[in-house]
């Protein structure tokens, strides 16, 4: 039973380190997205971003490992081992900095789907009018037959361009609302694609109507006798 004390303290310290890092990261990301949307000058209507719960992403695994290590060292510091504060701070701040630096996010506006890998790396975008198909891709290493809330998985958006080329956007973990965020963005893009298709059908119908009107023969010229003289006196009225 005595051994459970250090284990429990270490577990609680690791959880506290992870939760604190997530709170700081989410606050900084929200501020950054408000100042600089993914879609640039177009406001982002939907956004999803890579979270810490993506099991097959090396960057997130490194961040999680550093946070857990910082929590374990914090527990050791609390139990009387001195001199660990610099290592704890280095691990925790390093995990925070790496999580922000390798940040991956996807945003969709009414005109574009944009994505960015890394905080200061340039964003890429595709016009919604250039898309042929949008689908959600989910990847699991184990437990394919189990519900998604029981087995961690990664999911992402796959764009199929008008030329047939497929583009896989950044992945995120399916847990804690990750899969719902990806699906919401996919539904929004589908809605915008339907609007683009309706506008194209309407423009094509207007073009065909204009072509039919252009092919119709002009009306016959009006006979001279049927023309009305504006200065003539109406019948039955005398001056």
C-alpha atoms as a PDB file:
ATOM      1  CA  UNK A   1       0.000   0.000   0.000  1.00  0.00           C
ATOM      2  CA  UNK A   2       2.893   2.339   0.701  1.00  0.00           C
ATOM      3  CA  UNK A   3       3.988   2.009  -2.925  1.00  0.00           C
ATOM      4  CA  UNK A   4       0.636   3.312  -4.118  1.00  0.00           C
ATOM      5  CA  UNK A   5       1.345   6.734  -2.619  1.00  0.00           C
ATOM      6  CA  UNK A   6       4.185   7.728  -4.979  1.00  0.00           C
ATOM      7  CA  UNK A   7       2.386   6.166  -7.933  1.00  0.00           C
ATOM      8  CA  UNK A   8      -0.812   8.083  -7.216  1.00  0.00           C
ATOM      9  CA  UNK A   9       1.056  11.351  -6.687  1.00  0.00           C
ATOM     10  CA  UNK A  10       2.974  10.814  -9.929  1.00  0.00           C
ATOM     11  CA  UNK A  11      -0.231  10.044 -11.836  1.00  0.00           C
ATOM     12  CA  UNK A  12      -1.994  13.121 -10.491  1.00  0.00           C
ATOM     13  CA  UNK A  13       1.025  15.323 -11.240  1.00  0.00           C
ATOM     14  CA  UNK A  14       1.222  13.988 -14.807  1.00  0.00           C
ATOM     15  CA  UNK A  15      -2.502  14.646 -15.337  1.00  0.00           C
ATOM     16  CA  UNK A  16      -2.109  18.155 -13.918  1.00  0.00           C
ATOM     17  CA  UNK A  17       0.839  18.872 -16.255  1.00  0.00           C
ATOM     18  CA  UNK A  18      -1.155  17.696 -19.276  1.00  0.00           C
ATOM     19  CA  UNK A  19      -4.298  19.645 -18.360  1.00  0.00           C
ATOM     20  CA  UNK A  20      -2.374  22.829 -17.665  1.00  0.00           C
ATOM     21  CA  UNK A  21      -0.533  22.569 -20.986  1.00  0.00           C
ATOM     22  CA  UNK A  22      -3.794  21.953 -22.857  1.00  0.00           C
ATOM     23  CA  UNK A  23      -5.448  24.973 -21.233  1.00  0.00           C
ATOM     24  CA  UNK A  24      -2.553  27.269 -22.177  1.00  0.00           C
ATOM     25  CA  UNK A  25      -2.335  25.868 -25.721  1.00  0.00           C
ATOM     26  CA  UNK A  26      -6.071  26.180 -26.376  1.00  0.00           C
ATOM     27  CA  UNK A  27      -6.110  29.768 -25.121  1.00  0.00           C
ATOM     28  CA  UNK A  28      -3.133  30.776 -27.268  1.00  0.00           C
ATOM     29  CA  UNK A  29      -4.547  29.010 -30.331  1.00  0.00           C
ATOM     30  CA  UNK A  30      -7.940  30.661 -29.936  1.00  0.00           C
ATOM     31  CA  UNK A  31      -6.284  34.067 -29.691  1.00  0.00           C
ATOM     32  CA  UNK A  32      -4.124  33.355 -32.733  1.00  0.00           C
ATOM     33  CA  UNK A  33      -7.066  32.140 -34.825  1.00  0.00           C
ATOM     34  CA  UNK A  34      -9.003  35.272 -33.960  1.00  0.00           C
ATOM     35  CA  UNK A  35      -6.087  37.500 -34.955  1.00  0.00           C
ATOM     36  CA  UNK A  36      -5.134  35.517 -38.056  1.00  0.00           C
ATOM     37  CA  UNK A  37      -7.766  33.148 -39.506  1.00  0.00           C
ATOM     38  CA  UNK A  38      -6.575  30.127 -41.473  1.00  0.00           C
ATOM     39  CA  UNK A  39      -8.441  31.353 -44.558  1.00  0.00           C
ATOM     40  CA  UNK A  40      -6.721  34.718 -44.513  1.00  0.00           C
ATOM     41  CA  UNK A  41      -8.974  37.592 -45.448  1.00  0.00           C
ATOM     42  CA  UNK A  42     -12.008  35.291 -45.456  1.00  0.00           C
ATOM     43  CA  UNK A  43     -13.547  34.545 -42.069  1.00  0.00           C
ATOM     44  CA  UNK A  44     -13.335  30.902 -40.976  1.00  0.00           C
ATOM     45  CA  UNK A  45     -16.795  29.417 -40.638  1.00  0.00           C
ATOM     46  CA  UNK A  46     -15.513  26.030 -39.403  1.00  0.00           C
ATOM     47  CA  UNK A  47     -12.153  24.972 -37.970  1.00  0.00           C
ATOM     48  CA  UNK A  48     -10.635  21.752 -36.727  1.00  0.00           C
ATOM     49  CA  UNK A  49      -7.123  21.349 -35.404  1.00  0.00           C
ATOM     50  CA  UNK A  50      -4.789  18.592 -34.361  1.00  0.00           C
ATOM     51  CA  UNK A  51      -5.152  17.716 -30.713  1.00  0.00           C
ATOM     52  CA  UNK A  52      -2.976  15.814 -28.275  1.00  0.00           C
ATOM     53  CA  UNK A  53      -5.027  12.625 -28.522  1.00  0.00           C
ATOM     54  CA  UNK A  54      -3.847  11.543 -31.990  1.00  0.00           C
ATOM     55  CA  UNK A  55      -2.138   8.208 -31.212  1.00  0.00           C
ATOM     56  CA  UNK A  56      -0.127   7.782 -34.404  1.00  0.00           C
ATOM     57  CA  UNK A  57       1.260  11.308 -34.744  1.00  0.00           C
ATOM     58  CA  UNK A  58       4.950  11.572 -33.690  1.00  0.00           C
ATOM     59  CA  UNK A  59       4.664  15.228 -32.704  1.00  0.00           C
ATOM     60  CA  UNK A  60       1.788  14.644 -30.298  1.00  0.00           C
ATOM     61  CA  UNK A  61       3.429  11.557 -28.826  1.00  0.00           C
ATOM     62  CA  UNK A  62       6.587  13.574 -28.110  1.00  0.00           C
ATOM     63  CA  UNK A  63       4.549  16.318 -26.440  1.00  0.00           C
ATOM     64  CA  UNK A  64       2.630  13.821 -24.333  1.00  0.00           C
ATOM     65  CA  UNK A  65       5.817  12.022 -23.269  1.00  0.00           C
ATOM     66  CA  UNK A  66       7.487  15.277 -22.226  1.00  0.00           C
ATOM     67  CA  UNK A  67       4.431  16.335 -20.218  1.00  0.00           C
ATOM     68  CA  UNK A  68       4.194  13.006 -18.426  1.00  0.00           C
ATOM     69  CA  UNK A  69       7.896  13.153 -17.592  1.00  0.00           C
ATOM     70  CA  UNK A  70       7.523  16.661 -16.214  1.00  0.00           C
ATOM     71  CA  UNK A  71       4.633  15.462 -14.040  1.00  0.00           C
ATOM     72  CA  UNK A  72       6.634  12.526 -12.701  1.00  0.00           C
ATOM     73  CA  UNK A  73       9.556  14.785 -11.862  1.00  0.00           C
ATOM     74  CA  UNK A  74       7.172  17.193 -10.163  1.00  0.00           C
ATOM     75  CA  UNK A  75       5.879  14.342  -8.014  1.00  0.00           C
ATOM     76  CA  UNK A  76       9.451  13.429  -7.103  1.00  0.00           C
ATOM     77  CA  UNK A  77      10.137  17.065  -6.213  1.00  0.00           C
ATOM     78  CA  UNK A  78       7.086  17.136  -3.960  1.00  0.00           C
ATOM     79  CA  UNK A  79       8.258  14.003  -2.186  1.00  0.00           C
ATOM     80  CA  UNK A  80      11.559  15.532  -1.174  1.00  0.00           C
ATOM     81  CA  UNK A  81      13.946  15.131  -4.124  1.00  0.00           C
ATOM     82  CA  UNK A  82      15.428  18.576  -4.666  1.00  0.00           C
ATOM     83  CA  UNK A  83      16.996  20.177  -7.728  1.00  0.00           C
ATOM     84  CA  UNK A  84      14.384  19.006 -10.239  1.00  0.00           C
ATOM     85  CA  UNK A  85      12.683  22.350 -10.892  1.00  0.00           C
ATOM     86  CA  UNK A  86      14.904  23.306 -13.890  1.00  0.00           C
ATOM     87  CA  UNK A  87      14.284  19.937 -15.545  1.00  0.00           C
ATOM     88  CA  UNK A  88      10.545  20.178 -14.878  1.00  0.00           C
ATOM     89  CA  UNK A  89      10.349  23.663 -16.353  1.00  0.00           C
ATOM     90  CA  UNK A  90      12.449  22.687 -19.356  1.00  0.00           C
ATOM     91  CA  UNK A  91      10.300  19.651 -20.159  1.00  0.00           C
ATOM     92  CA  UNK A  92       6.979  21.427 -19.669  1.00  0.00           C
ATOM     93  CA  UNK A  93       7.912  24.594 -21.569  1.00  0.00           C
ATOM     94  CA  UNK A  94       9.591  22.543 -24.292  1.00  0.00           C
ATOM     95  CA  UNK A  95       6.419  20.496 -24.749  1.00  0.00           C
ATOM     96  CA  UNK A  96       4.349  23.681 -24.883  1.00  0.00           C
ATOM     97  CA  UNK A  97       6.655  25.309 -27.429  1.00  0.00           C
ATOM     98  CA  UNK A  98       6.811  22.196 -29.630  1.00  0.00           C
ATOM     99  CA  UNK A  99       3.037  21.756 -29.516  1.00  0.00           C
ATOM    100  CA  UNK A 100       2.562  25.324 -30.716  1.00  0.00           C
ATOM    101  CA  UNK A 101       5.318  25.151 -33.311  1.00  0.00           C
ATOM    102  CA  UNK A 102       3.955  21.970 -34.920  1.00  0.00           C
ATOM    103  CA  UNK A 103       0.352  23.128 -34.693  1.00  0.00           C
ATOM    104  CA  UNK A 104      -1.799  21.852 -37.568  1.00  0.00           C
ATOM    105  CA  UNK A 105      -5.241  23.231 -38.341  1.00  0.00           C
ATOM    106  CA  UNK A 106      -7.859  23.315 -41.093  1.00  0.00           C
ATOM    107  CA  UNK A 107     -10.385  26.058 -41.755  1.00  0.00           C
ATOM    108  CA  UNK A 108     -13.208  26.486 -44.241  1.00  0.00           C
ATOM    109  CA  UNK A 109     -14.836  29.690 -45.416  1.00  0.00           C
ATOM    110  CA  UNK A 110     -17.586  30.196 -47.952  1.00  0.00           C
ATOM    111  CA  UNK A 111     -14.981  30.200 -50.744  1.00  0.00           C
ATOM    112  CA  UNK A 112     -11.919  28.236 -49.621  1.00  0.00           C
ATOM    113  CA  UNK A 113     -10.698  25.260 -47.638  1.00  0.00           C
ATOM    114  CA  UNK A 114      -7.368  26.211 -46.038  1.00  0.00           C
ATOM    115  CA  UNK A 115      -4.876  24.294 -43.933  1.00  0.00           C
ATOM    116  CA  UNK A 116      -1.590  25.020 -42.230  1.00  0.00           C
ATOM    117  CA  UNK A 117       1.136  22.891 -40.666  1.00  0.00           C
ATOM    118  CA  UNK A 118       3.317  24.683 -38.137  1.00  0.00           C
ATOM    119  CA  UNK A 119       2.657  28.033 -36.516  1.00  0.00           C
ATOM    120  CA  UNK A 120       4.705  30.144 -38.909  1.00  0.00           C
ATOM    121  CA  UNK A 121       4.508  28.035 -42.033  1.00  0.00           C
ATOM    122  CA  UNK A 122       2.520  29.380 -44.955  1.00  0.00           C
ATOM    123  CA  UNK A 123      -1.041  28.177 -45.346  1.00  0.00           C
ATOM    124  CA  UNK A 124      -2.347  26.382 -48.409  1.00  0.00           C
ATOM    125  CA  UNK A 125      -5.881  26.594 -49.697  1.00  0.00           C
ATOM    126  CA  UNK A 126      -8.193  25.224 -52.356  1.00  0.00           C
ATOM    127  CA  UNK A 127     -11.214  26.982 -53.807  1.00  0.00           C
ATOM    128  CA  UNK A 128     -14.456  25.163 -53.066  1.00  0.00           C
ATOM    129  CA  UNK A 129     -15.390  25.572 -56.734  1.00  0.00           C
ATOM    130  CA  UNK A 130     -12.384  23.360 -57.609  1.00  0.00           C
ATOM    131  CA  UNK A 131     -13.528  20.429 -55.447  1.00  0.00           C
ATOM    132  CA  UNK A 132     -15.143  17.289 -56.779  1.00  0.00           C
ATOM    133  CA  UNK A 133     -15.561  15.359 -53.533  1.00  0.00           C
ATOM    134  CA  UNK A 134     -14.985  15.725 -49.797  1.00  0.00           C
ATOM    135  CA  UNK A 135     -14.860  12.790 -47.393  1.00  0.00           C
ATOM    136  CA  UNK A 136     -13.795  12.003 -43.836  1.00  0.00           C
ATOM    137  CA  UNK A 137     -11.008   9.460 -43.398  1.00  0.00           C
ATOM    138  CA  UNK A 138     -10.543   7.571 -40.117  1.00  0.00           C
ATOM    139  CA  UNK A 139      -7.502   5.480 -39.290  1.00  0.00           C
ATOM    140  CA  UNK A 140      -7.169   2.966 -36.469  1.00  0.00           C
ATOM    141  CA  UNK A 141      -4.271   0.715 -35.612  1.00  0.00           C
ATOM    142  CA  UNK A 142      -6.250  -1.580 -33.289  1.00  0.00           C
ATOM    143  CA  UNK A 143      -9.868  -2.270 -32.382  1.00  0.00           C
ATOM    144  CA  UNK A 144     -11.465  -1.625 -35.747  1.00  0.00           C
ATOM    145  CA  UNK A 145     -14.736  -3.262 -34.656  1.00  0.00           C
ATOM    146  CA  UNK A 146     -15.004  -1.337 -31.380  1.00  0.00           C
ATOM    147  CA  UNK A 147     -16.816   2.000 -30.938  1.00  0.00           C
ATOM    148  CA  UNK A 148     -14.702   5.046 -31.671  1.00  0.00           C
ATOM    149  CA  UNK A 149     -15.057   6.403 -28.119  1.00  0.00           C
ATOM    150  CA  UNK A 150     -13.329   3.277 -26.767  1.00  0.00           C
ATOM    151  CA  UNK A 151     -10.358   3.138 -29.124  1.00  0.00           C
ATOM    152  CA  UNK A 152      -8.281   6.213 -29.983  1.00  0.00           C
ATOM    153  CA  UNK A 153      -8.103   6.876 -33.695  1.00  0.00           C
ATOM    154  CA  UNK A 154      -7.077   9.641 -36.044  1.00  0.00           C
ATOM    155  CA  UNK A 155      -9.341  11.265 -38.593  1.00  0.00           C
ATOM    156  CA  UNK A 156      -8.868  13.865 -41.282  1.00  0.00           C
ATOM    157  CA  UNK A 157     -10.517  15.452 -44.281  1.00  0.00           C
ATOM    158  CA  UNK A 158      -9.691  14.221 -47.792  1.00  0.00           C
ATOM    159  CA  UNK A 159     -10.285  16.587 -50.712  1.00  0.00           C
ATOM    160  CA  UNK A 160     -10.669  15.293 -54.267  1.00  0.00           C
ATOM    161  CA  UNK A 161      -9.935  18.072 -56.743  1.00  0.00           C
ATOM    162  CA  UNK A 162     -11.624  18.550 -60.094  1.00  0.00           C
ATOM    163  CA  UNK A 163      -8.613  16.957 -61.838  1.00  0.00           C
ATOM    164  CA  UNK A 164      -8.938  13.800 -59.710  1.00  0.00           C
ATOM    165  CA  UNK A 165      -6.005  14.499 -57.383  1.00  0.00           C
ATOM    166  CA  UNK A 166      -6.641  13.662 -53.709  1.00  0.00           C
ATOM    167  CA  UNK A 167      -5.276  15.873 -50.928  1.00  0.00           C
ATOM    168  CA  UNK A 168      -5.206  14.613 -47.337  1.00  0.00           C
ATOM    169  CA  UNK A 169      -5.470  17.399 -44.799  1.00  0.00           C
ATOM    170  CA  UNK A 170      -3.881  17.361 -41.305  1.00  0.00           C
ATOM    171  CA  UNK A 171      -5.032  14.633 -38.943  1.00  0.00           C
ATOM    172  CA  UNK A 172      -6.504  14.997 -35.481  1.00  0.00           C
ATOM    173  CA  UNK A 173      -7.521  12.603 -32.745  1.00  0.00           C
ATOM    174  CA  UNK A 174     -11.075  11.320 -32.780  1.00  0.00           C
ATOM    175  CA  UNK A 175     -11.512  11.608 -29.000  1.00  0.00           C
ATOM    176  CA  UNK A 176     -12.861  14.625 -27.093  1.00  0.00           C
ATOM    177  CA  UNK A 177     -14.777  16.070 -30.026  1.00  0.00           C
ATOM    178  CA  UNK A 178     -12.088  15.677 -32.680  1.00  0.00           C
ATOM    179  CA  UNK A 179     -14.162  13.462 -34.976  1.00  0.00           C
ATOM    180  CA  UNK A 180     -17.210  15.712 -34.558  1.00  0.00           C
ATOM    181  CA  UNK A 181     -15.158  18.776 -35.555  1.00  0.00           C
ATOM    182  CA  UNK A 182     -13.916  17.081 -38.719  1.00  0.00           C
ATOM    183  CA  UNK A 183     -17.433  15.924 -39.645  1.00  0.00           C
ATOM    184  CA  UNK A 184     -18.856  19.406 -39.024  1.00  0.00           C
ATOM    185  CA  UNK A 185     -16.287  20.950 -41.354  1.00  0.00           C
ATOM    186  CA  UNK A 186     -16.992  18.297 -43.998  1.00  0.00           C
ATOM    187  CA  UNK A 187     -20.740  19.014 -43.805  1.00  0.00           C
ATOM    188  CA  UNK A 188     -20.086  22.738 -44.175  1.00  0.00           C
ATOM    189  CA  UNK A 189     -17.904  22.180 -47.262  1.00  0.00           C
ATOM    190  CA  UNK A 190     -20.567  19.899 -48.769  1.00  0.00           C
ATOM    191  CA  UNK A 191     -23.144  22.651 -48.295  1.00  0.00           C
ATOM    192  CA  UNK A 192     -20.908  25.196 -50.030  1.00  0.00           C
ATOM    193  CA  UNK A 193     -20.251  22.732 -52.880  1.00  0.00           C
ATOM    194  CA  UNK A 194     -24.010  22.309 -53.351  1.00  0.00           C
ATOM    195  CA  UNK A 195     -24.403  26.083 -53.552  1.00  0.00           C
ATOM    196  CA  UNK A 196     -21.623  26.277 -56.161  1.00  0.00           C
ATOM    197  CA  UNK A 197     -23.309  23.492 -58.174  1.00  0.00           C
ATOM    198  CA  UNK A 198     -26.674  25.300 -58.009  1.00  0.00           C
ATOM    199  CA  UNK A 199     -25.081  28.537 -59.213  1.00  0.00           C
ATOM    200  CA  UNK A 200     -23.430  26.701 -62.094  1.00  0.00           C
ATOM    201  CA  UNK A 201     -26.710  25.051 -63.111  1.00  0.00           C
ATOM    202  CA  UNK A 202     -28.485  28.390 -62.946  1.00  0.00           C
ATOM    203  CA  UNK A 203     -25.771  30.091 -65.028  1.00  0.00           C
ATOM    204  CA  UNK A 204     -25.885  27.262 -67.578  1.00  0.00           C
ATOM    205  CA  UNK A 205     -29.693  27.532 -67.816  1.00  0.00           C
ATOM    206  CA  UNK A 206     -29.463  31.300 -68.338  1.00  0.00           C
ATOM    207  CA  UNK A 207     -26.838  30.760 -71.036  1.00  0.00           C
ATOM    208  CA  UNK A 208     -29.011  28.215 -72.846  1.00  0.00           C
ATOM    209  CA  UNK A 209     -32.018  30.556 -72.635  1.00  0.00           C
ATOM    210  CA  UNK A 210     -29.970  33.401 -74.077  1.00  0.00           C
ATOM    211  CA  UNK A 211     -28.763  31.130 -76.888  1.00  0.00           C
ATOM    212  CA  UNK A 212     -32.350  30.120 -77.712  1.00  0.00           C
ATOM    213  CA  UNK A 213     -33.429  33.749 -77.803  1.00  0.00           C
ATOM    214  CA  UNK A 214     -30.532  34.568 -80.109  1.00  0.00           C
ATOM    215  CA  UNK A 215     -31.554  31.779 -82.525  1.00  0.00           C
ATOM    216  CA  UNK A 216     -35.173  32.941 -82.798  1.00  0.00           C
ATOM    217  CA  UNK A 217     -35.970  34.943 -85.971  1.00  0.00           C
ATOM    218  CA  UNK A 218     -36.566  38.660 -85.490  1.00  0.00           C
ATOM    219  CA  UNK A 219     -40.220  39.831 -85.530  1.00  0.00           C
ATOM    220  CA  UNK A 220     -41.576  40.949 -88.934  1.00  0.00           C
ATOM    221  CA  UNK A 221     -41.361  44.680 -89.662  1.00  0.00           C
ATOM    222  CA  UNK A 222     -44.444  46.689 -88.829  1.00  0.00           C
ATOM    223  CA  UNK A 223     -46.594  47.794 -91.816  1.00  0.00           C
ATOM    224  CA  UNK A 224     -46.579  51.491 -92.556  1.00  0.00           C
ATOM    225  CA  UNK A 225     -50.365  51.758 -92.245  1.00  0.00           C
ATOM    226  CA  UNK A 226     -50.349  50.229 -88.777  1.00  0.00           C
ATOM    227  CA  UNK A 227     -47.998  52.799 -87.416  1.00  0.00           C
ATOM    228  CA  UNK A 228     -49.596  55.405 -85.167  1.00  0.00           C
ATOM    229  CA  UNK A 229     -48.877  59.039 -85.809  1.00  0.00           C
ATOM    230  CA  UNK A 230     -48.458  60.751 -82.452  1.00  0.00           C
ATOM    231  CA  UNK A 231     -49.655  64.031 -83.906  1.00  0.00           C
ATOM    232  CA  UNK A 232     -52.823  62.615 -85.476  1.00  0.00           C
ATOM    233  CA  UNK A 233     -56.229  63.630 -84.081  1.00  0.00           C
ATOM    234  CA  UNK A 234     -58.131  60.670 -82.610  1.00  0.00           C
ATOM    235  CA  UNK A 235     -61.253  59.594 -84.433  1.00  0.00           C
ATOM    236  CA  UNK A 236     -64.430  61.444 -83.344  1.00  0.00           C
ATOM    237  CA  UNK A 237     -62.586  64.382 -81.780  1.00  0.00           C
ATOM    238  CA  UNK A 238     -62.682  67.774 -83.508  1.00  0.00           C
ATOM    239  CA  UNK A 239     -60.624  70.749 -82.727  1.00  0.00           C
END
